[in-house]
N, C-alpha and C. Protein backbone atom coordinates (compact mmCIF):
# COMPACT_ATOMS: atom_id res chain seq x y z
N MET A 1 337.11 78.43 -36.01
CA MET A 1 335.69 78.72 -36.43
C MET A 1 334.77 77.63 -35.97
N ASN A 2 335.12 76.39 -35.96
CA ASN A 2 334.23 75.32 -35.53
C ASN A 2 333.94 75.38 -34.15
N ARG A 3 334.91 75.93 -33.28
CA ARG A 3 334.74 75.95 -31.82
C ARG A 3 333.59 76.93 -31.48
N GLY A 4 333.75 78.08 -32.17
CA GLY A 4 332.70 79.12 -31.99
C GLY A 4 331.30 78.71 -32.30
N LYS A 5 331.07 77.91 -33.35
CA LYS A 5 329.81 77.37 -33.82
C LYS A 5 329.29 76.25 -32.74
N LEU A 6 330.13 75.48 -32.29
CA LEU A 6 330.01 74.50 -31.29
C LEU A 6 329.59 75.10 -30.02
N LEU A 7 330.11 76.14 -29.62
CA LEU A 7 329.82 76.91 -28.36
C LEU A 7 328.44 77.40 -28.46
N ILE A 8 328.17 78.10 -29.55
CA ILE A 8 326.77 78.79 -29.88
C ILE A 8 325.80 77.67 -29.68
N LEU A 9 326.11 76.42 -30.33
CA LEU A 9 324.97 75.38 -30.38
C LEU A 9 324.75 74.74 -29.03
N LEU A 10 325.97 74.67 -28.19
CA LEU A 10 325.85 74.16 -26.73
C LEU A 10 324.99 75.22 -26.00
N MET A 11 325.22 76.51 -26.12
CA MET A 11 324.53 77.49 -25.35
C MET A 11 323.06 77.53 -25.72
N ALA A 12 322.71 77.34 -26.97
CA ALA A 12 321.44 77.27 -27.33
C ALA A 12 320.64 76.09 -26.91
N ALA A 13 321.44 75.04 -26.92
CA ALA A 13 320.74 73.65 -26.38
C ALA A 13 320.63 73.81 -24.71
N ALA A 14 321.51 74.41 -24.09
CA ALA A 14 321.33 74.65 -22.66
C ALA A 14 320.19 75.59 -22.38
N GLY A 15 319.92 76.64 -23.20
CA GLY A 15 318.79 77.47 -23.00
C GLY A 15 317.58 76.79 -23.23
N VAL A 16 317.39 76.02 -24.29
CA VAL A 16 316.21 75.17 -24.59
C VAL A 16 315.97 74.16 -23.39
N SER A 17 317.05 73.37 -23.04
CA SER A 17 316.82 72.47 -22.05
C SER A 17 316.28 73.22 -20.68
N ALA A 18 316.84 74.46 -20.32
CA ALA A 18 316.44 75.02 -19.04
C ALA A 18 314.99 75.41 -19.23
N GLY A 19 314.56 75.95 -20.40
CA GLY A 19 313.05 76.23 -20.73
C GLY A 19 312.14 74.97 -20.45
N VAL A 20 312.50 73.90 -20.96
CA VAL A 20 311.83 72.60 -20.97
C VAL A 20 311.79 72.21 -19.41
N LEU A 21 312.92 72.28 -18.77
CA LEU A 21 312.93 71.84 -17.41
C LEU A 21 312.09 72.64 -16.55
N LYS A 22 312.04 73.94 -16.78
CA LYS A 22 311.18 75.02 -16.01
C LYS A 22 309.59 74.64 -16.22
N VAL A 23 309.24 74.42 -17.48
CA VAL A 23 307.91 73.95 -17.85
C VAL A 23 307.50 72.66 -17.17
N TRP A 24 308.43 71.70 -17.27
CA TRP A 24 308.03 70.45 -16.65
C TRP A 24 307.99 70.58 -15.14
N ASN A 25 308.86 71.23 -14.56
CA ASN A 25 308.80 71.52 -13.04
C ASN A 25 307.59 72.24 -12.54
N GLN A 26 307.27 73.23 -13.29
CA GLN A 26 306.07 74.05 -13.05
C GLN A 26 304.75 73.12 -13.09
N HIS A 27 304.72 72.35 -14.21
CA HIS A 27 303.43 71.42 -14.36
C HIS A 27 303.53 70.30 -13.24
N ARG A 28 304.72 69.84 -12.82
CA ARG A 28 304.73 68.85 -11.61
C ARG A 28 304.25 69.44 -10.35
N HIS A 29 304.45 70.70 -10.18
CA HIS A 29 304.12 71.37 -8.92
C HIS A 29 302.55 71.87 -8.91
N MET A 30 301.86 71.64 -10.07
CA MET A 30 300.54 72.05 -10.04
C MET A 30 299.47 71.03 -10.64
N GLU A 31 299.94 69.76 -10.68
CA GLU A 31 299.04 68.70 -11.17
C GLU A 31 297.64 68.59 -10.49
N GLN A 32 297.57 68.68 -9.14
CA GLN A 32 296.53 68.55 -8.44
C GLN A 32 295.62 69.88 -8.57
N VAL A 33 296.19 70.92 -8.74
CA VAL A 33 295.49 72.20 -8.89
C VAL A 33 294.82 72.26 -10.17
N LEU A 34 295.54 71.73 -11.38
CA LEU A 34 294.98 71.67 -12.47
C LEU A 34 293.71 70.77 -12.58
N ALA A 35 293.84 69.50 -11.96
CA ALA A 35 292.92 68.70 -11.73
C ALA A 35 291.49 69.23 -11.19
N SER A 36 291.79 70.03 -10.07
CA SER A 36 290.70 70.52 -9.16
C SER A 36 290.15 71.86 -9.79
N LEU A 37 290.87 72.57 -10.23
CA LEU A 37 290.35 73.91 -10.73
C LEU A 37 290.19 73.96 -12.29
N THR A 38 290.66 73.14 -13.03
CA THR A 38 290.60 73.14 -14.41
C THR A 38 291.72 73.96 -15.01
N PRO A 39 292.22 73.48 -16.10
CA PRO A 39 293.35 74.24 -16.81
C PRO A 39 292.88 75.68 -17.28
N SER A 40 291.67 75.90 -17.65
CA SER A 40 291.27 77.28 -18.04
C SER A 40 291.33 78.15 -16.93
N VAL A 41 290.80 77.68 -15.64
CA VAL A 41 290.84 78.62 -14.43
C VAL A 41 292.25 78.91 -14.07
N ALA A 42 293.20 77.85 -14.20
CA ALA A 42 294.47 77.97 -13.76
C ALA A 42 295.16 78.83 -14.76
N ARG A 43 294.96 78.98 -16.05
CA ARG A 43 295.51 79.90 -16.93
C ARG A 43 295.04 81.27 -16.59
N LEU A 44 293.72 81.45 -16.28
CA LEU A 44 293.36 82.74 -15.89
C LEU A 44 293.94 83.38 -14.59
N ILE A 45 294.17 82.49 -13.65
CA ILE A 45 294.75 82.75 -12.43
C ILE A 45 296.35 83.26 -12.85
N ALA A 46 296.95 82.63 -13.65
CA ALA A 46 298.33 83.00 -14.00
C ALA A 46 298.43 84.19 -14.98
N GLU A 47 297.61 84.31 -15.79
CA GLU A 47 297.72 85.32 -16.92
C GLU A 47 296.62 86.38 -17.18
N ALA A 48 295.55 86.19 -16.45
CA ALA A 48 294.41 87.22 -16.70
C ALA A 48 294.78 88.60 -16.61
N PRO A 49 294.68 89.39 -17.59
CA PRO A 49 295.03 90.82 -17.35
C PRO A 49 294.31 91.64 -16.36
N GLN A 50 293.08 91.27 -16.11
CA GLN A 50 292.33 91.97 -15.10
C GLN A 50 292.08 91.04 -13.86
N ALA A 51 292.24 91.52 -12.70
CA ALA A 51 292.14 90.82 -11.50
C ALA A 51 291.55 91.71 -10.33
N GLU A 52 290.49 91.31 -9.81
CA GLU A 52 289.72 92.10 -8.84
C GLU A 52 289.48 91.40 -7.63
N LEU A 53 289.62 92.06 -6.50
CA LEU A 53 289.27 91.38 -5.16
C LEU A 53 287.92 91.99 -4.71
N LEU A 54 286.87 91.21 -4.35
CA LEU A 54 285.54 91.58 -4.08
C LEU A 54 285.48 91.21 -2.49
N ARG A 55 284.92 92.16 -1.74
CA ARG A 55 284.63 91.83 -0.24
C ARG A 55 283.09 91.64 -0.29
N VAL A 56 282.69 90.51 0.09
CA VAL A 56 281.32 89.94 0.09
C VAL A 56 280.67 89.87 1.37
N GLU A 57 279.39 90.15 1.56
CA GLU A 57 278.58 89.81 2.66
C GLU A 57 277.48 89.01 2.30
N LEU A 58 277.00 88.09 3.22
CA LEU A 58 275.83 87.34 2.95
C LEU A 58 274.48 88.37 2.90
N SER A 59 273.74 88.12 1.78
CA SER A 59 272.70 89.13 1.64
C SER A 59 271.33 88.65 2.10
N GLN A 60 270.63 89.51 2.82
CA GLN A 60 269.33 89.25 3.27
C GLN A 60 268.52 90.43 2.94
N PRO A 61 267.30 90.29 2.22
CA PRO A 61 266.94 89.40 1.26
C PRO A 61 267.76 89.65 -0.06
N PRO A 62 268.03 88.53 -0.79
CA PRO A 62 268.86 88.83 -2.01
C PRO A 62 268.11 89.46 -3.22
N ASP A 63 266.80 89.44 -3.25
CA ASP A 63 266.03 90.03 -4.33
C ASP A 63 266.09 91.54 -4.39
N SER A 64 266.59 92.22 -3.37
CA SER A 64 266.62 93.77 -3.28
C SER A 64 267.95 94.27 -3.91
N ILE A 65 268.74 93.46 -4.42
CA ILE A 65 270.13 93.95 -4.91
C ILE A 65 270.23 93.63 -6.38
N SER A 66 270.84 94.43 -7.13
CA SER A 66 271.07 94.20 -8.67
C SER A 66 271.96 92.99 -8.87
N PRO A 67 271.59 92.07 -9.59
CA PRO A 67 272.37 90.94 -9.94
C PRO A 67 273.88 91.11 -10.29
N SER A 68 274.09 92.22 -10.81
CA SER A 68 275.49 92.59 -11.17
C SER A 68 276.29 92.97 -9.96
N GLU A 69 275.60 93.16 -8.74
CA GLU A 69 276.33 93.57 -7.49
C GLU A 69 276.27 92.40 -6.52
N THR A 70 276.06 91.20 -7.04
CA THR A 70 276.07 90.01 -6.20
C THR A 70 276.94 88.84 -6.72
N VAL A 71 277.11 87.72 -5.84
CA VAL A 71 277.93 86.72 -6.20
C VAL A 71 277.06 85.60 -5.56
N GLU A 72 276.95 84.42 -6.23
CA GLU A 72 276.33 83.29 -5.63
C GLU A 72 277.43 82.30 -5.30
N ILE A 73 277.43 81.82 -4.00
CA ILE A 73 278.25 80.96 -3.59
C ILE A 73 277.41 79.82 -2.80
N GLU A 74 277.69 78.54 -3.25
CA GLU A 74 276.86 77.35 -2.74
C GLU A 74 275.28 77.62 -2.62
N GLY A 75 274.71 78.23 -3.57
CA GLY A 75 273.32 78.60 -3.61
C GLY A 75 272.97 79.76 -2.81
N LYS A 76 273.72 80.54 -2.20
CA LYS A 76 273.38 81.65 -1.35
C LYS A 76 273.91 82.80 -2.05
N THR A 77 273.16 84.00 -1.87
CA THR A 77 273.58 85.25 -2.53
C THR A 77 274.32 86.00 -1.47
N TYR A 78 275.52 86.62 -2.13
CA TYR A 78 276.23 87.49 -1.32
C TYR A 78 276.36 88.94 -2.02
N ARG A 79 276.16 90.01 -1.20
CA ARG A 79 276.26 91.25 -1.77
C ARG A 79 277.81 91.61 -1.84
N ILE A 80 278.17 92.26 -3.02
CA ILE A 80 279.54 92.83 -3.16
C ILE A 80 279.48 94.11 -2.41
N ALA A 81 280.28 94.18 -1.26
CA ALA A 81 280.21 95.35 -0.49
C ALA A 81 281.30 96.26 -0.77
N ASP A 82 282.42 95.75 -1.41
CA ASP A 82 283.52 96.66 -1.84
C ASP A 82 284.27 95.85 -2.99
N ARG A 83 285.09 96.58 -3.64
CA ARG A 83 285.96 96.06 -4.62
C ARG A 83 287.30 96.64 -4.94
N ARG A 84 288.24 95.98 -5.28
CA ARG A 84 289.67 96.48 -5.45
C ARG A 84 290.35 95.92 -6.75
N ASP A 85 290.85 96.72 -7.59
CA ASP A 85 291.46 96.25 -8.69
C ASP A 85 293.01 95.80 -8.16
N LEU A 86 293.38 94.56 -8.48
CA LEU A 86 294.65 93.96 -7.99
C LEU A 86 295.67 93.92 -9.11
N ALA A 87 295.34 94.28 -10.34
CA ALA A 87 296.28 94.07 -11.41
C ALA A 87 297.78 94.55 -11.15
N ASP A 88 297.65 95.67 -10.36
CA ASP A 88 299.21 96.26 -9.99
C ASP A 88 299.49 96.27 -8.66
N ALA A 89 298.64 95.51 -7.78
CA ALA A 89 298.88 95.50 -6.28
C ALA A 89 300.07 94.83 -6.01
N LYS A 90 300.84 95.46 -5.09
CA LYS A 90 302.13 94.86 -4.59
C LYS A 90 301.92 93.55 -3.91
N GLY A 91 302.74 92.55 -4.36
CA GLY A 91 302.58 91.14 -3.75
C GLY A 91 301.48 90.39 -4.50
N PHE A 92 300.83 90.77 -5.43
CA PHE A 92 299.68 90.01 -6.07
C PHE A 92 300.30 88.94 -6.96
N ALA A 93 301.47 89.16 -7.63
CA ALA A 93 302.03 88.02 -8.50
C ALA A 93 302.40 86.85 -7.55
N ALA A 94 302.85 87.23 -6.36
CA ALA A 94 303.16 86.09 -5.48
C ALA A 94 301.98 85.36 -5.08
N ILE A 95 300.76 85.99 -5.04
CA ILE A 95 299.42 85.39 -4.72
C ILE A 95 299.10 84.47 -5.89
N ARG A 96 299.24 84.97 -7.05
CA ARG A 96 298.90 84.16 -8.15
C ARG A 96 299.80 82.85 -8.28
N ASP A 97 301.09 83.01 -7.97
CA ASP A 97 301.95 81.77 -7.99
C ASP A 97 301.45 80.82 -6.87
N ARG A 98 301.27 81.34 -5.82
CA ARG A 98 300.95 80.32 -4.51
C ARG A 98 299.67 79.66 -5.00
N LEU A 99 298.65 80.33 -5.66
CA LEU A 99 297.45 79.63 -5.88
C LEU A 99 297.60 78.53 -6.86
N LEU A 100 298.59 78.40 -7.56
CA LEU A 100 298.83 77.45 -8.51
C LEU A 100 299.74 76.33 -8.10
N ASP A 101 300.26 76.51 -7.03
CA ASP A 101 301.24 75.55 -6.39
C ASP A 101 300.50 74.42 -5.57
N ASP A 102 300.64 73.20 -5.86
CA ASP A 102 299.96 72.03 -5.01
C ASP A 102 300.43 72.14 -3.67
N ALA A 103 301.51 72.69 -3.14
CA ALA A 103 302.02 72.69 -1.83
C ALA A 103 301.14 73.80 -1.15
N SER A 104 300.35 74.61 -1.63
CA SER A 104 299.48 75.61 -0.97
C SER A 104 298.16 75.06 -0.51
N TYR A 105 297.94 73.71 -0.70
CA TYR A 105 296.76 73.23 -0.40
C TYR A 105 296.95 71.85 0.51
N ASP A 106 295.87 71.77 1.45
CA ASP A 106 295.89 70.67 2.06
C ASP A 106 295.00 69.47 1.37
N TRP A 107 295.82 68.57 0.76
CA TRP A 107 295.18 67.54 -0.09
C TRP A 107 294.56 66.41 0.72
N THR A 108 294.79 66.25 2.15
CA THR A 108 294.40 65.21 2.78
C THR A 108 292.97 65.35 3.42
N VAL A 109 292.42 66.53 3.17
CA VAL A 109 291.03 66.88 3.70
C VAL A 109 290.15 66.65 2.59
N HIS A 110 289.07 65.74 2.67
CA HIS A 110 288.29 65.44 1.52
C HIS A 110 286.87 65.82 1.79
N ARG A 111 286.46 65.98 2.94
CA ARG A 111 285.11 66.27 3.15
C ARG A 111 285.02 67.73 3.97
N ILE A 112 284.55 68.71 3.44
CA ILE A 112 284.50 70.11 3.82
C ILE A 112 283.17 70.58 4.18
N GLU A 113 282.81 70.87 5.43
CA GLU A 113 281.61 71.53 5.80
C GLU A 113 281.89 73.11 6.04
N VAL A 114 281.22 73.85 5.23
CA VAL A 114 281.57 75.20 5.26
C VAL A 114 280.27 76.00 5.79
N ASP A 115 280.36 77.03 6.64
CA ASP A 115 279.31 77.65 7.20
C ASP A 115 279.20 78.90 6.07
N ALA A 116 277.88 79.25 5.72
CA ALA A 116 277.76 80.39 4.75
C ALA A 116 278.31 81.57 5.10
N SER A 117 278.39 81.87 6.48
CA SER A 117 278.99 83.22 6.84
C SER A 117 280.61 83.32 6.86
N THR A 118 281.10 82.08 6.50
CA THR A 118 282.68 82.19 6.32
C THR A 118 283.12 82.79 5.07
N TRP A 119 282.39 82.86 4.02
CA TRP A 119 282.80 83.50 2.69
C TRP A 119 282.85 84.92 2.83
N LYS A 120 284.15 85.52 2.61
CA LYS A 120 284.43 86.96 2.81
C LYS A 120 284.87 87.55 1.59
N TYR A 121 285.60 86.91 0.83
CA TYR A 121 286.25 87.47 -0.26
C TYR A 121 286.05 86.69 -1.66
N VAL A 122 286.10 87.43 -2.81
CA VAL A 122 285.96 86.57 -4.03
C VAL A 122 287.22 87.31 -4.90
N LEU A 123 288.02 86.39 -5.44
CA LEU A 123 288.98 87.02 -6.35
C LEU A 123 288.48 86.67 -7.75
N GLN A 124 288.40 87.55 -8.60
CA GLN A 124 287.78 87.47 -10.03
C GLN A 124 288.84 87.78 -10.94
N PHE A 125 289.11 86.89 -11.88
CA PHE A 125 290.15 86.82 -12.87
C PHE A 125 289.38 86.89 -14.19
N SER A 126 289.76 87.86 -15.07
CA SER A 126 289.12 87.93 -16.46
C SER A 126 289.98 88.56 -17.54
N ASN A 127 289.48 87.96 -18.69
CA ASN A 127 290.22 88.62 -19.91
C ASN A 127 289.00 88.93 -20.73
N ARG A 128 289.21 89.05 -22.05
CA ARG A 128 287.97 89.57 -22.81
C ARG A 128 286.91 88.46 -23.01
N ALA A 129 287.37 87.15 -23.10
CA ALA A 129 286.54 86.03 -23.31
C ALA A 129 286.07 85.35 -22.10
N GLU A 130 286.87 85.08 -21.02
CA GLU A 130 286.59 84.23 -19.89
C GLU A 130 286.68 85.11 -18.53
N ARG A 131 286.09 84.46 -17.62
CA ARG A 131 286.07 84.94 -16.17
C ARG A 131 286.08 83.68 -15.29
N ALA A 132 286.94 83.80 -14.22
CA ALA A 132 286.92 82.79 -13.07
C ALA A 132 286.81 83.42 -11.83
N ARG A 133 286.06 82.99 -10.86
CA ARG A 133 285.85 83.49 -9.58
C ARG A 133 286.25 82.48 -8.59
N LEU A 134 287.00 82.82 -7.54
CA LEU A 134 287.44 81.97 -6.44
C LEU A 134 287.01 82.56 -5.24
N ALA A 135 286.10 82.03 -4.35
CA ALA A 135 285.62 82.57 -3.21
C ALA A 135 286.57 82.02 -2.06
N PHE A 136 286.79 82.92 -0.98
CA PHE A 136 287.82 82.55 0.15
C PHE A 136 287.05 82.75 1.49
N GLY A 137 287.12 81.82 2.23
CA GLY A 137 286.68 81.89 3.61
C GLY A 137 287.96 81.57 4.63
N PHE A 138 287.81 82.29 5.68
CA PHE A 138 288.84 82.10 6.86
C PHE A 138 288.04 81.98 8.03
N PRO A 139 287.57 80.69 8.42
CA PRO A 139 286.72 80.46 9.59
C PRO A 139 287.42 80.62 10.88
N ALA A 140 288.72 80.35 10.95
CA ALA A 140 289.44 80.36 12.30
C ALA A 140 290.91 80.57 11.92
N THR A 141 291.63 80.89 12.95
CA THR A 141 293.14 81.34 12.87
C THR A 141 293.73 80.07 12.13
N GLU A 142 294.47 80.29 11.20
CA GLU A 142 295.35 79.33 10.36
C GLU A 142 294.43 78.51 9.42
N GLU A 143 293.26 78.65 9.24
CA GLU A 143 292.48 77.72 8.54
C GLU A 143 292.00 78.65 7.25
N GLY A 144 291.76 78.14 6.10
CA GLY A 144 291.30 78.77 5.04
C GLY A 144 290.68 77.84 3.89
N TRP A 145 289.68 78.46 3.30
CA TRP A 145 289.05 77.45 2.21
C TRP A 145 289.08 78.43 0.97
N LEU A 146 289.03 77.68 -0.16
CA LEU A 146 288.96 78.35 -1.49
C LEU A 146 287.85 77.55 -2.22
N ARG A 147 286.85 78.29 -2.95
CA ARG A 147 285.89 77.65 -3.62
C ARG A 147 285.83 78.15 -4.95
N SER A 148 286.09 77.36 -6.03
CA SER A 148 286.01 77.69 -7.40
C SER A 148 284.51 77.77 -7.82
N LEU A 149 284.09 78.98 -8.16
CA LEU A 149 282.67 79.20 -8.50
C LEU A 149 282.28 78.53 -9.91
N LYS A 150 283.37 78.24 -10.69
CA LYS A 150 283.11 77.63 -11.93
C LYS A 150 282.97 76.03 -11.82
N THR A 151 283.82 75.45 -10.98
CA THR A 151 283.80 74.00 -10.89
C THR A 151 282.97 73.59 -9.46
N ASP A 152 282.57 74.51 -8.63
CA ASP A 152 281.90 74.25 -7.36
C ASP A 152 282.77 73.25 -6.60
N GLN A 153 283.99 73.40 -6.47
CA GLN A 153 284.78 72.50 -5.77
C GLN A 153 285.54 73.40 -4.72
N THR A 154 285.40 72.94 -3.47
CA THR A 154 286.20 73.60 -2.34
C THR A 154 287.35 72.93 -1.79
N LEU A 155 288.37 73.60 -1.82
CA LEU A 155 289.82 73.32 -1.43
C LEU A 155 290.27 73.92 -0.16
N VAL A 156 291.14 73.18 0.58
CA VAL A 156 291.57 73.69 1.86
C VAL A 156 292.93 74.43 1.60
N VAL A 157 293.04 75.66 1.91
CA VAL A 157 294.24 76.45 1.59
C VAL A 157 294.92 76.86 2.93
N THR A 158 294.91 76.03 3.93
CA THR A 158 295.41 76.34 5.15
C THR A 158 296.85 76.68 5.15
N PRO A 159 297.70 75.94 4.40
CA PRO A 159 299.23 76.30 4.28
C PRO A 159 299.46 77.85 4.01
N ILE A 160 298.48 78.39 3.25
CA ILE A 160 298.69 79.89 2.89
C ILE A 160 297.72 80.71 3.28
N ALA A 161 296.84 80.29 4.27
CA ALA A 161 295.61 80.99 4.70
C ALA A 161 295.97 82.35 5.29
N ASP A 162 297.01 82.27 6.27
CA ASP A 162 297.47 83.46 6.90
C ASP A 162 297.89 84.56 6.07
N GLY A 163 298.55 84.11 5.13
CA GLY A 163 299.03 85.21 4.01
C GLY A 163 298.08 85.76 3.05
N LEU A 164 297.14 84.85 2.86
CA LEU A 164 295.99 85.33 1.97
C LEU A 164 295.09 86.19 2.81
N ALA A 165 294.81 85.91 4.10
CA ALA A 165 293.82 86.73 4.86
C ALA A 165 294.43 88.07 5.02
N THR A 166 295.81 88.07 5.30
CA THR A 166 296.41 89.38 5.51
C THR A 166 296.55 90.26 4.38
N PHE A 167 296.75 89.58 3.14
CA PHE A 167 296.83 90.31 1.90
C PHE A 167 295.42 90.91 1.52
N PHE A 168 294.34 90.09 1.59
CA PHE A 168 293.04 90.57 1.37
C PHE A 168 292.58 91.53 2.20
N SER A 169 292.74 91.48 3.56
CA SER A 169 292.26 92.58 4.46
C SER A 169 293.02 93.81 4.25
N ALA A 170 294.30 93.78 3.88
CA ALA A 170 295.20 94.88 3.66
C ALA A 170 294.72 95.71 2.30
N GLN A 171 294.08 95.14 1.49
CA GLN A 171 293.55 95.79 0.39
C GLN A 171 292.38 96.68 0.59
N PHE A 172 291.72 96.54 1.67
CA PHE A 172 290.57 97.34 1.99
C PHE A 172 290.84 98.33 3.20
N GLU A 173 292.02 98.36 3.73
CA GLU A 173 292.39 99.35 4.63
C GLU A 173 292.60 100.60 4.17
N GLU A 174 292.19 101.77 4.82
CA GLU A 174 292.29 103.14 4.31
C GLU A 174 293.90 103.44 4.31
N PRO A 175 294.37 104.26 3.48
CA PRO A 175 295.80 104.63 3.64
C PRO A 175 296.01 105.66 4.74
N ALA A 176 297.24 105.50 5.42
CA ALA A 176 297.39 106.33 6.48
C ALA A 176 297.69 107.73 6.07
N PRO A 177 297.28 108.65 6.97
CA PRO A 177 297.23 110.14 6.63
C PRO A 177 298.77 110.55 6.47
N PRO A 178 299.16 111.49 5.55
CA PRO A 178 300.44 111.85 5.41
C PRO A 178 300.95 112.47 6.78
N ALA A 179 302.28 112.15 7.04
CA ALA A 179 302.90 112.73 8.21
C ALA A 179 303.12 114.31 8.15
N LYS A 180 302.90 115.02 9.28
CA LYS A 180 303.10 116.45 9.07
C LYS A 180 304.30 116.92 9.70
């Protein structure tokens, strides 16, 4: 009887230890992301029930468009040209994970000069009380930038830029016609 209780206690302790290790490891892999994007934005990236991808275009002139159909990035107004709900999009869970991993960013670049025409997409995460928007630009092959519109900080996402650009552009492609 005592062996059974001991076995149950050991299994419970192993489960708790594995959970603590997972949380510690996750936090260790996102320390710089948390510092750059803030914990509230990181929480929305990870858990927000609503996620939407906006395709944006630099607006000329900005006052002719409804404010609800625009996004402001670095003081410039962008028109929302199209939008897609990503909550159930295939592969989006992996995008969320990559955005929270320090290895997805190039932390060696500290000064970033971004041309306004570079911003093409905005990921919008929201729940009932909060919203976070991340703008993405892909100026050249294998380069990529992310700008938190909440913190106004631009980060280099070159390690995952190709995958992000492919995922984003695929969301706006028309489905193939059915085969006959």
